[in-house]
């Protein structure tokens, strides 16, 4: 019975109307197509589908969305996974698969999918993107670019993605910041929520270390006596 229901669901899915989706704008605008049933998995996209008139063009315009991230969403809708398609250029083959993400771009690509999944209301895609993020081996510069994106594109309440970022820099920042000194100072000044979270974690660790370690820190006056 379960097999029959699965087959019926698949038939219903694949015989649903096709919707044209125009993602991005200007020269980067890309036309994509998907079965309407797939789009209904997203509360955000369902509102667009509900407004479609069966007698007119079945088209949705999403000028503010990232083309690659949306393409990965559609891929996930059909396969429950996603992969990035690399351009057929010599530059794309310089670093083999699994190599260190020197620029942070791979982290950012997954992060864009994570934030898109949040907007579309798809927790399974969010979880997958977050899992893939933690498989990426990056550099201090790449990690800092990723940290800036996370803290400027997610809400304060989203500790699932923010907490690991702040913990990473709380644990390694005193060493790694020398490799990215200017960028480190910039993000600390321009993204106060990041700075606050890193400092909070450091203070929590200090507090958990116990009073013995705290007392071992030399006391100094705030200012010299006149």
Protein backbone atom coordinates (compact mmCIF):
# COMPACT_ATOMS: atom_id res chain seq x y z
CA UNK A 1 0.00 0.00 0.00
CA UNK A 2 2.85 2.35 0.86
CA UNK A 3 4.42 1.67 -2.54
CA UNK A 4 1.15 2.43 -4.31
CA UNK A 5 0.78 5.72 -2.42
CA UNK A 6 4.35 6.64 -3.28
CA UNK A 7 3.76 5.92 -6.97
CA UNK A 8 0.54 7.93 -6.98
CA UNK A 9 2.33 10.84 -5.32
CA UNK A 10 5.12 10.68 -7.90
CA UNK A 11 2.64 10.65 -10.78
CA UNK A 12 0.76 13.58 -9.29
CA UNK A 13 4.04 15.43 -8.82
CA UNK A 14 5.30 14.90 -12.35
CA UNK A 15 1.97 15.65 -14.04
CA UNK A 16 1.55 18.97 -12.24
CA UNK A 17 1.65 22.15 -14.34
CA UNK A 18 5.04 23.61 -15.20
CA UNK A 19 5.84 27.05 -13.81
CA UNK A 20 8.42 29.41 -15.30
CA UNK A 21 10.56 31.17 -12.71
CA UNK A 22 12.71 34.16 -13.63
CA UNK A 23 15.44 34.51 -11.03
CA UNK A 24 17.80 37.48 -10.69
CA UNK A 25 17.79 40.61 -12.77
CA UNK A 26 19.60 42.28 -15.64
CA UNK A 27 22.18 40.20 -17.45
CA UNK A 28 22.16 37.63 -14.65
CA UNK A 29 18.43 36.93 -14.90
CA UNK A 30 17.88 33.24 -15.53
CA UNK A 31 14.76 31.37 -16.58
CA UNK A 32 14.09 28.17 -14.67
CA UNK A 33 11.19 25.76 -14.74
CA UNK A 34 9.70 23.48 -12.11
CA UNK A 35 6.59 21.43 -11.45
CA UNK A 36 4.09 23.43 -9.49
CA UNK A 37 3.85 20.74 -6.80
CA UNK A 38 7.52 21.25 -5.93
CA UNK A 39 6.98 24.96 -5.37
CA UNK A 40 4.08 24.24 -3.02
CA UNK A 41 6.54 22.73 -0.53
CA UNK A 42 7.56 26.30 0.24
CA UNK A 43 5.09 28.56 2.10
CA UNK A 44 6.82 31.57 0.52
CA UNK A 45 6.46 30.29 -3.05
CA UNK A 46 2.96 28.95 -2.41
CA UNK A 47 1.74 32.54 -2.17
CA UNK A 48 3.04 33.21 -5.68
CA UNK A 49 1.45 30.01 -7.03
CA UNK A 50 -1.91 30.91 -5.51
CA UNK A 51 -1.90 34.14 -7.51
CA UNK A 52 -1.31 32.40 -10.85
CA UNK A 53 -4.20 32.49 -13.28
CA UNK A 54 -4.68 29.22 -15.13
CA UNK A 55 -5.71 31.12 -18.24
CA UNK A 56 -2.53 33.22 -18.40
CA UNK A 57 1.23 32.69 -18.37
CA UNK A 58 2.35 30.61 -15.40
CA UNK A 59 5.30 32.81 -14.46
CA UNK A 60 6.94 33.88 -11.19
CA UNK A 61 9.51 36.68 -10.99
CA UNK A 62 12.11 36.58 -8.20
CA UNK A 63 14.54 39.40 -9.06
CA UNK A 64 16.13 39.54 -5.59
CA UNK A 65 17.11 35.87 -5.30
CA UNK A 66 20.53 34.38 -6.02
CA UNK A 67 20.45 32.38 -9.26
CA UNK A 68 22.79 29.61 -8.13
CA UNK A 69 21.14 29.20 -4.72
CA UNK A 70 17.69 28.97 -6.27
CA UNK A 71 18.90 26.42 -8.79
CA UNK A 72 20.23 24.33 -5.90
CA UNK A 73 16.83 24.60 -4.22
CA UNK A 74 15.15 23.17 -7.31
CA UNK A 75 17.75 20.41 -7.48
CA UNK A 76 17.08 19.59 -3.84
CA UNK A 77 13.34 19.51 -4.53
CA UNK A 78 13.80 16.72 -7.07
CA UNK A 79 16.72 14.78 -5.59
CA UNK A 80 16.86 15.74 -1.85
CA UNK A 81 20.46 16.86 -2.39
CA UNK A 82 22.33 19.55 -4.29
CA UNK A 83 25.74 20.05 -5.90
CA UNK A 84 27.39 23.04 -7.49
CA UNK A 85 27.99 23.09 -11.22
CA UNK A 86 31.44 24.45 -12.00
CA UNK A 87 32.08 26.64 -15.06
CA UNK A 88 34.09 24.97 -17.81
CA UNK A 89 37.14 27.22 -17.44
CA UNK A 90 40.81 26.52 -16.62
CA UNK A 91 40.50 28.55 -13.41
CA UNK A 92 37.82 26.25 -12.06
CA UNK A 93 40.10 23.23 -12.25
CA UNK A 94 43.08 24.77 -10.48
CA UNK A 95 41.92 23.54 -7.08
CA UNK A 96 40.76 19.89 -6.95
CA UNK A 97 37.65 18.80 -5.11
CA UNK A 98 38.24 18.74 -1.37
CA UNK A 99 40.98 21.37 -1.55
CA UNK A 100 41.09 24.25 0.93
CA UNK A 101 38.54 26.97 0.19
CA UNK A 102 41.02 29.85 0.10
CA UNK A 103 38.61 32.67 -0.76
CA UNK A 104 35.66 31.50 1.32
CA UNK A 105 33.46 31.34 -1.76
CA UNK A 106 32.44 27.73 -1.17
CA UNK A 107 31.32 28.60 2.35
CA UNK A 108 29.38 31.56 0.97
CA UNK A 109 27.66 29.44 -1.67
CA UNK A 110 26.34 27.07 0.98
CA UNK A 111 25.44 30.01 3.23
CA UNK A 112 23.35 31.58 0.45
CA UNK A 113 21.41 28.33 0.16
CA UNK A 114 20.96 28.28 3.94
CA UNK A 115 19.48 31.80 3.99
CA UNK A 116 17.32 31.06 0.93
CA UNK A 117 15.99 27.93 2.66
CA UNK A 118 15.12 30.06 5.68
CA UNK A 119 13.19 32.48 3.45
CA UNK A 120 11.42 29.66 1.61
CA UNK A 121 10.52 27.89 4.87
CA UNK A 122 12.38 24.66 4.12
CA UNK A 123 14.09 23.32 7.29
CA UNK A 124 15.37 20.17 5.55
CA UNK A 125 17.29 22.25 3.00
CA UNK A 126 18.60 24.50 5.77
CA UNK A 127 19.88 21.46 7.65
CA UNK A 128 21.57 20.06 4.54
CA UNK A 129 23.29 23.36 3.75
CA UNK A 130 24.49 23.67 7.34
CA UNK A 131 25.91 20.14 7.22
CA UNK A 132 27.78 20.91 4.00
CA UNK A 133 29.17 24.12 5.52
CA UNK A 134 30.88 22.15 8.27
CA UNK A 135 32.60 19.91 5.70
CA UNK A 136 34.43 22.83 4.09
CA UNK A 137 38.08 23.39 4.97
CA UNK A 138 38.71 27.12 4.64
CA UNK A 139 41.33 29.76 5.48
CA UNK A 140 41.14 32.62 8.04
CA UNK A 141 40.21 35.03 5.25
CA UNK A 142 37.53 32.67 3.97
CA UNK A 143 36.14 32.06 7.45
CA UNK A 144 35.97 35.79 8.11
CA UNK A 145 34.11 36.47 4.86
CA UNK A 146 31.71 33.71 5.83
CA UNK A 147 31.30 35.18 9.33
CA UNK A 148 30.43 38.59 7.87
CA UNK A 149 27.79 37.06 5.59
CA UNK A 150 26.23 35.03 8.39
CA UNK A 151 25.97 38.00 10.72
CA UNK A 152 24.54 40.33 8.07
CA UNK A 153 22.04 37.88 6.54
CA UNK A 154 20.63 35.95 9.49
CA UNK A 155 18.61 36.94 12.54
CA UNK A 156 20.00 37.24 16.04
CA UNK A 157 17.80 34.30 17.05
CA UNK A 158 19.41 31.93 14.54
CA UNK A 159 22.01 30.52 16.92
CA UNK A 160 22.23 27.31 14.87
CA UNK A 161 24.47 29.00 12.33
CA UNK A 162 25.76 31.95 14.37
CA UNK A 163 26.97 30.07 17.45
CA UNK A 164 29.55 27.90 15.58
CA UNK A 165 30.89 31.00 13.83
CA UNK A 166 31.35 32.93 17.07
CA UNK A 167 32.83 29.87 18.81
CA UNK A 168 35.31 29.38 15.98
CA UNK A 169 36.64 32.94 16.31
CA UNK A 170 36.53 32.90 20.10
CA UNK A 171 38.76 29.81 20.10
CA UNK A 172 41.15 30.78 17.29
CA UNK A 173 40.77 34.52 16.78
CA UNK A 174 43.79 35.45 18.90
CA UNK A 175 45.95 33.48 16.45
CA UNK A 176 44.14 33.83 13.13
CA UNK A 177 43.48 37.57 13.32
CA UNK A 178 47.15 38.25 12.52
CA UNK A 179 46.58 36.73 9.07
CA UNK A 180 43.62 39.02 8.40
CA UNK A 181 44.30 41.96 10.71
CA UNK A 182 42.60 44.66 8.65
CA UNK A 183 39.55 42.54 7.84
CA UNK A 184 39.33 41.40 11.48
CA UNK A 185 39.29 44.98 12.78
CA UNK A 186 36.73 45.92 10.13
CA UNK A 187 34.22 43.22 11.02
CA UNK A 188 34.62 43.89 14.76
CA UNK A 189 33.72 47.56 14.20
CA UNK A 190 31.08 47.14 11.52
CA UNK A 191 29.25 44.05 12.80
CA UNK A 192 28.80 44.57 16.56
CA UNK A 193 26.61 41.49 16.99
CA UNK A 194 29.54 39.33 15.88
CA UNK A 195 31.91 41.07 18.29
CA UNK A 196 29.42 40.77 21.15
CA UNK A 197 28.88 37.05 20.58
CA UNK A 198 32.62 36.33 20.45
CA UNK A 199 33.23 38.29 23.66
CA UNK A 200 30.29 36.62 25.41
CA UNK A 201 31.65 33.16 24.61
CA UNK A 202 35.12 34.16 25.83
CA UNK A 203 33.67 35.46 29.10
CA UNK A 204 31.58 32.31 29.54
CA UNK A 205 34.68 30.18 29.11
CA UNK A 206 36.57 32.36 31.59
CA UNK A 207 33.76 32.06 34.13
CA UNK A 208 33.57 28.28 33.77
CA UNK A 209 37.33 28.05 34.30
CA UNK A 210 36.72 28.91 37.95
CA UNK A 211 37.78 31.63 40.39
CA UNK A 212 41.32 30.26 40.72
CA UNK A 213 42.19 31.16 37.15
CA UNK A 214 40.38 34.49 37.40
CA UNK A 215 42.34 35.44 40.54
CA UNK A 216 45.62 34.56 38.84
CA UNK A 217 45.17 37.52 36.50
CA UNK A 218 47.20 40.50 37.82
CA UNK A 219 45.10 43.43 39.00
CA UNK A 220 45.93 46.82 37.56
CA UNK A 221 44.56 50.28 38.30
CA UNK A 222 42.33 51.90 35.72
CA UNK A 223 44.56 54.97 35.88
CA UNK A 224 47.69 56.07 37.62
CA UNK A 225 47.49 58.20 40.73
CA UNK A 226 48.46 61.80 40.25
